[in-house]
Amino acid sequence: MKKLLYFMYAIVCYAIFFATFLYLIGFVENVSRFSFGQQLAPLFAKTLDTGHQVLPVLPALLIDLLLIALFGAQHSVMARPAFKKQWTKIVPTPIERSTYVLLASLALIVLFYCWQPIQLTLWDLSHSLVGDVFFFLSLLGWVLLLISTFLINHFDLFGLRQVYLYGRENKKSGKLAFRAPGFYKLIRHPIYFSFLVAFWFAPVMTLGHLVFTLGMTTYIFIGIYHEERDLMHAFGDTYRAYRSQVPKIIPFTRATAESEPLGQNELAK
């Protein structure tokens, strides 16, 4: 019975995550602005730039920064091994990852609901070739993001593999072996790279959109820093060699030598 409950819980958490992820795409892309998105407008009444700006710029800015900080703190702190060690004394290990995914989704939902648009336009490339290219690249970022999760192990990343193995073998899921397939041969963090592409290539950049993008970019690099400082007990010298050979975030650049102890990137989260 417990195995079934864990499995159902993981499925529900994954469904909430996937719906939240789809909403995030529409939220960032302001899908209701486009003619093809008008039918989706009732689902995306609130996006980065749509909805009524009811607050002055400074209070809206403070609220938006707090929302980004809330998401970043939850997403980063709960991913750290020291936190997981204590957390799994409360939450059963097979559903620890699913719970993390659920709470990350809830943090994003709070951000969606409470976000304060700041509609001062910094650039508007819509209805131009450059704007079309930006929009295409932004959408490409989301596609690359999803592909990158499957190149490692999508179902482990979002908690389904853990409950499947627990239900089938009644044991904890072991850590995945280190691999660097596909995009991971070009950069160490293709998931984060994909987010950056999706966020920055905005055909219309408002002040609110820029605040979101800068905030999330800051979180991404803080996250990379902490992930790469996690102890190397999972991958050791194998990951050290990988890090010395593959650039962090920009493809086709030279990897820099870094001497401090390394940790797990998103491959091992």
Protein backbone atom coordinates (compact mmCIF):
# COMPACT_ATOMS: atom_id res chain seq x y z
CA MET A 1 0.00 0.00 0.00
CA LYS A 2 2.82 2.39 0.90
CA LYS A 3 4.51 1.75 -2.44
CA LEU A 4 1.30 2.61 -4.28
CA LEU A 5 0.82 5.80 -2.27
CA TYR A 6 4.39 6.88 -2.95
CA PHE A 7 3.94 6.23 -6.67
CA MET A 8 0.66 8.15 -6.81
CA TYR A 9 2.23 11.01 -4.86
CA ALA A 10 5.16 11.16 -7.29
CA ILE A 11 2.79 11.18 -10.28
CA VAL A 12 0.77 14.05 -8.80
CA CYS A 13 3.95 16.02 -8.05
CA TYR A 14 5.19 15.44 -11.59
CA ALA A 15 1.86 16.51 -13.09
CA ILE A 16 1.92 19.72 -11.04
CA PHE A 17 5.51 20.35 -12.13
CA PHE A 18 4.74 19.80 -15.81
CA ALA A 19 1.71 22.10 -15.73
CA THR A 20 3.79 24.71 -13.91
CA PHE A 21 6.59 24.36 -16.47
CA LEU A 22 4.16 24.90 -19.35
CA TYR A 23 2.74 27.94 -17.57
CA LEU A 24 6.28 29.27 -17.03
CA ILE A 25 6.82 29.23 -20.79
CA GLY A 26 3.64 31.20 -21.40
CA PHE A 27 4.43 33.48 -18.45
CA VAL A 28 7.88 34.41 -19.76
CA GLU A 29 6.88 34.58 -23.42
CA ASN A 30 3.77 36.68 -22.69
CA VAL A 31 1.86 34.30 -24.91
CA SER A 32 -1.40 36.25 -24.75
CA ARG A 33 0.30 39.13 -26.59
CA PHE A 34 0.53 37.13 -29.80
CA SER A 35 -2.28 36.49 -32.25
CA PHE A 36 -1.76 32.73 -32.03
CA GLY A 37 -2.01 32.98 -28.27
CA GLN A 38 -5.35 34.74 -28.06
CA GLN A 39 -7.19 31.47 -27.55
CA LEU A 40 -4.84 30.77 -24.64
CA ALA A 41 -5.31 34.23 -23.13
CA PRO A 42 -7.82 33.06 -20.48
CA LEU A 43 -5.19 30.59 -19.23
CA PHE A 44 -2.44 33.21 -19.21
CA ALA A 45 -4.21 36.25 -17.83
CA LYS A 46 -1.11 36.86 -15.70
CA THR A 47 2.31 36.95 -17.36
CA LEU A 48 5.50 38.92 -16.87
CA ASP A 49 4.10 41.94 -18.69
CA THR A 50 0.33 41.52 -18.72
CA GLY A 51 -2.11 42.25 -15.96
CA HIS A 52 -2.68 45.63 -14.36
CA GLN A 53 0.26 47.52 -12.90
CA VAL A 54 -1.39 48.56 -9.67
CA LEU A 55 1.73 49.52 -7.69
CA PRO A 56 4.37 52.21 -8.24
CA VAL A 57 7.69 51.02 -9.62
CA LEU A 58 9.63 50.77 -6.35
CA PRO A 59 7.12 48.65 -4.36
CA ALA A 60 6.53 46.46 -7.43
CA LEU A 61 10.28 46.02 -7.82
CA LEU A 62 10.73 45.00 -4.18
CA ILE A 63 7.89 42.48 -4.35
CA ASP A 64 9.27 40.95 -7.56
CA LEU A 65 12.78 40.65 -6.12
CA LEU A 66 11.40 38.98 -2.98
CA LEU A 67 9.49 36.48 -5.12
CA ILE A 68 12.65 35.62 -7.08
CA ALA A 69 14.62 35.30 -3.83
CA LEU A 70 11.95 32.98 -2.38
CA PHE A 71 12.12 30.71 -5.41
CA GLY A 72 15.92 30.80 -5.49
CA ALA A 73 16.28 30.00 -1.79
CA GLN A 74 13.88 27.06 -1.95
CA HIS A 75 15.33 25.71 -5.17
CA SER A 76 18.95 25.96 -4.12
CA VAL A 77 18.90 25.20 -0.38
CA MET A 78 16.77 22.07 -0.72
CA ALA A 79 19.14 20.71 -3.39
CA ARG A 80 22.14 20.74 -1.09
CA PRO A 81 23.30 17.38 0.31
CA ALA A 82 23.46 18.67 3.90
CA PHE A 83 19.83 19.74 3.74
CA LYS A 84 18.77 16.47 2.12
CA LYS A 85 20.45 14.50 4.90
CA GLN A 86 18.29 16.22 7.51
CA TRP A 87 15.19 16.46 5.31
CA THR A 88 15.05 12.71 4.71
CA LYS A 89 14.66 12.21 8.45
CA ILE A 90 11.22 13.75 7.95
CA VAL A 91 10.34 12.94 4.33
CA PRO A 92 10.86 9.32 3.20
CA THR A 93 13.83 8.99 0.86
CA PRO A 94 11.85 7.54 -2.11
CA ILE A 95 9.68 10.67 -2.29
CA GLU A 96 12.29 13.25 -1.27
CA ARG A 97 12.90 14.32 -4.86
CA SER A 98 9.18 14.45 -5.66
CA THR A 99 8.63 16.65 -2.62
CA TYR A 100 11.42 18.95 -3.76
CA VAL A 101 9.84 19.17 -7.20
CA LEU A 102 6.43 19.90 -5.66
CA LEU A 103 7.74 22.69 -3.45
CA ALA A 104 9.70 24.21 -6.34
CA SER A 105 6.51 24.20 -8.41
CA LEU A 106 4.57 25.84 -5.58
CA ALA A 107 7.25 28.53 -5.26
CA LEU A 108 6.84 29.27 -8.97
CA ILE A 109 3.05 29.35 -8.66
CA VAL A 110 3.37 31.92 -5.87
CA LEU A 111 5.66 33.94 -8.15
CA PHE A 112 3.13 33.76 -11.01
CA TYR A 113 0.25 34.84 -8.80
CA CYS A 114 2.01 37.65 -6.95
CA TRP A 115 4.19 39.01 -9.75
CA GLN A 116 3.87 42.77 -10.27
CA PRO A 117 4.27 43.85 -13.90
CA ILE A 118 6.46 46.90 -14.50
CA GLN A 119 5.52 47.90 -17.99
CA LEU A 120 8.20 50.44 -18.84
CA THR A 121 9.44 49.24 -22.25
CA LEU A 122 13.22 49.10 -22.69
CA TRP A 123 13.14 47.67 -26.20
CA ASP A 124 10.44 46.51 -28.57
CA LEU A 125 11.58 44.41 -31.51
CA SER A 126 8.17 42.95 -32.28
CA HIS A 127 7.04 43.02 -35.91
CA SER A 128 10.65 42.95 -37.09
CA LEU A 129 13.02 40.29 -38.37
CA VAL A 130 15.25 40.69 -35.31
CA GLY A 131 12.22 40.29 -33.06
CA ASP A 132 11.20 37.11 -34.88
CA VAL A 133 14.74 35.75 -34.47
CA PHE A 134 14.69 36.59 -30.75
CA PHE A 135 11.33 34.86 -30.32
CA PHE A 136 12.57 31.78 -32.17
CA LEU A 137 15.73 31.62 -30.03
CA SER A 138 13.71 32.01 -26.85
CA LEU A 139 11.43 29.14 -27.82
CA LEU A 140 14.48 27.13 -28.83
CA GLY A 141 15.81 27.62 -25.32
CA TRP A 142 12.75 25.89 -23.87
CA VAL A 143 13.13 23.00 -26.32
CA LEU A 144 16.82 22.58 -25.49
CA LEU A 145 15.96 22.68 -21.81
CA LEU A 146 13.53 19.79 -22.09
CA ILE A 147 15.92 17.79 -24.28
CA SER A 148 18.73 18.36 -21.78
CA THR A 149 16.68 16.79 -18.98
CA PHE A 150 16.16 13.65 -21.06
CA LEU A 151 19.83 13.46 -22.04
CA ILE A 152 20.67 12.79 -18.40
CA ASN A 153 17.66 11.17 -16.74
CA HIS A 154 14.43 13.16 -16.86
CA PHE A 155 12.56 10.77 -14.60
CA ASP A 156 15.27 10.74 -11.96
CA LEU A 157 15.49 14.54 -12.06
CA PHE A 158 11.78 14.83 -11.27
CA GLY A 159 11.40 12.02 -8.77
CA LEU A 160 9.70 9.25 -10.76
CA ARG A 161 12.66 6.88 -11.03
CA GLN A 162 13.11 6.86 -7.27
CA VAL A 163 9.59 5.68 -6.47
CA TYR A 164 9.61 3.24 -9.38
CA LEU A 165 12.72 1.52 -8.08
CA TYR A 166 11.40 1.58 -4.53
CA GLY A 167 8.15 0.00 -5.63
CA ARG A 168 9.84 -2.61 -7.77
CA GLU A 169 12.83 -3.50 -5.63
CA ASN A 170 11.90 -2.05 -2.24
CA LYS A 171 15.24 -0.30 -1.94
CA LYS A 172 16.72 3.13 -2.28
CA SER A 173 17.60 4.22 -5.79
CA GLY A 174 21.33 4.36 -6.34
CA LYS A 175 23.05 7.40 -7.73
CA LEU A 176 23.34 7.48 -11.49
CA ALA A 177 26.73 6.90 -13.04
CA PHE A 178 28.45 9.99 -14.40
CA ARG A 179 27.71 10.62 -18.07
CA ALA A 180 28.15 13.59 -20.37
CA PRO A 181 25.92 12.89 -23.38
CA GLY A 182 24.96 15.29 -26.16
CA PHE A 183 24.96 18.92 -25.05
CA TYR A 184 26.89 17.96 -21.91
CA LYS A 185 29.94 17.45 -24.12
CA LEU A 186 29.77 21.15 -25.05
CA ILE A 187 28.97 22.75 -21.68
CA ARG A 188 28.59 21.51 -18.13
CA HIS A 189 25.24 23.19 -17.53
CA PRO A 190 23.04 22.97 -20.63
CA ILE A 191 19.89 23.20 -18.50
CA TYR A 192 20.97 26.55 -17.08
CA PHE A 193 22.20 27.69 -20.49
CA SER A 194 18.78 26.92 -21.96
CA PHE A 195 17.07 29.00 -19.27
CA LEU A 196 19.35 31.94 -20.04
CA VAL A 197 18.55 31.74 -23.75
CA ALA A 198 14.81 31.53 -23.05
CA PHE A 199 14.90 34.48 -20.64
CA TRP A 200 17.20 36.90 -22.45
CA PHE A 201 16.03 36.64 -26.06
CA ALA A 202 12.85 38.63 -25.48
CA PRO A 203 11.40 40.50 -28.49
CA VAL A 204 9.87 42.95 -26.01
CA MET A 205 11.89 43.77 -22.90
CA THR A 206 10.08 45.68 -20.20
CA LEU A 207 11.58 46.72 -16.89
CA GLY A 208 9.60 43.94 -15.20
CA HIS A 209 10.93 41.38 -17.67
CA LEU A 210 14.47 42.66 -17.12
CA VAL A 211 14.08 42.40 -13.33
CA PHE A 212 12.90 38.79 -13.71
CA THR A 213 15.71 37.94 -16.13
CA LEU A 214 18.45 39.56 -14.06
CA GLY A 215 17.12 37.97 -10.88
CA MET A 216 16.94 34.51 -12.40
CA THR A 217 20.36 34.92 -14.03
CA THR A 218 21.83 35.84 -10.65
CA TYR A 219 20.18 32.79 -9.09
CA ILE A 220 21.49 30.56 -11.89
CA PHE A 221 25.10 31.55 -11.30
CA ILE A 222 24.73 31.29 -7.54
CA GLY A 223 23.24 27.84 -8.07
CA ILE A 224 26.12 26.82 -10.33
CA TYR A 225 28.63 28.05 -7.75
CA HIS A 226 27.07 26.04 -4.92
CA GLU A 227 26.50 22.94 -7.04
CA GLU A 228 30.10 22.95 -8.19
CA ARG A 229 31.29 23.34 -4.61
CA ASP A 230 29.38 20.33 -3.32
CA LEU A 231 31.80 17.61 -2.26
CA MET A 232 33.00 15.36 -5.05
CA HIS A 233 32.03 12.15 -3.27
CA ALA A 234 29.67 11.24 -6.13
CA PHE A 235 32.07 11.66 -9.07
CA GLY A 236 35.50 12.51 -7.70
CA ASP A 237 38.34 12.83 -10.21
CA THR A 238 36.07 11.84 -13.08
CA TYR A 239 34.11 15.03 -12.69
CA ARG A 240 37.28 17.03 -12.00
CA ALA A 241 38.62 15.96 -15.39
CA TYR A 242 35.28 16.76 -17.03
CA ARG A 243 35.29 20.21 -15.48
CA SER A 244 38.80 20.92 -16.73
CA GLN A 245 37.86 19.95 -20.28
CA VAL A 246 34.33 21.33 -20.75
CA PRO A 247 33.33 25.01 -20.35
CA LYS A 248 30.82 25.97 -17.71
CA ILE A 249 28.05 27.75 -19.59
CA ILE A 250 29.24 29.17 -22.94
CA PRO A 251 29.70 26.61 -25.74
CA PHE A 252 32.91 26.49 -27.77
CA THR A 253 34.90 28.45 -25.23
CA ARG A 254 37.91 27.28 -23.31
CA ALA A 255 37.37 25.54 -20.01
CA THR A 256 39.12 27.35 -17.19
CA ALA A 257 41.18 25.57 -14.58
CA GLU A 258 39.55 25.78 -11.16
CA SER A 259 41.33 24.47 -8.11
CA GLU A 260 38.67 24.41 -5.40
CA PRO A 261 36.85 21.14 -4.62
CA LEU A 262 34.06 20.38 -7.01
CA GLY A 263 30.63 19.07 -6.54
CA GLN A 264 27.68 17.81 -8.48
CA ASN A 265 26.16 19.83 -11.24
CA GLU A 266 22.58 19.21 -12.35
CA LEU A 267 23.65 15.75 -13.47
CA ALA A 268 23.72 14.75 -9.82
CA LYS A 269 21.01 16.88 -8.26
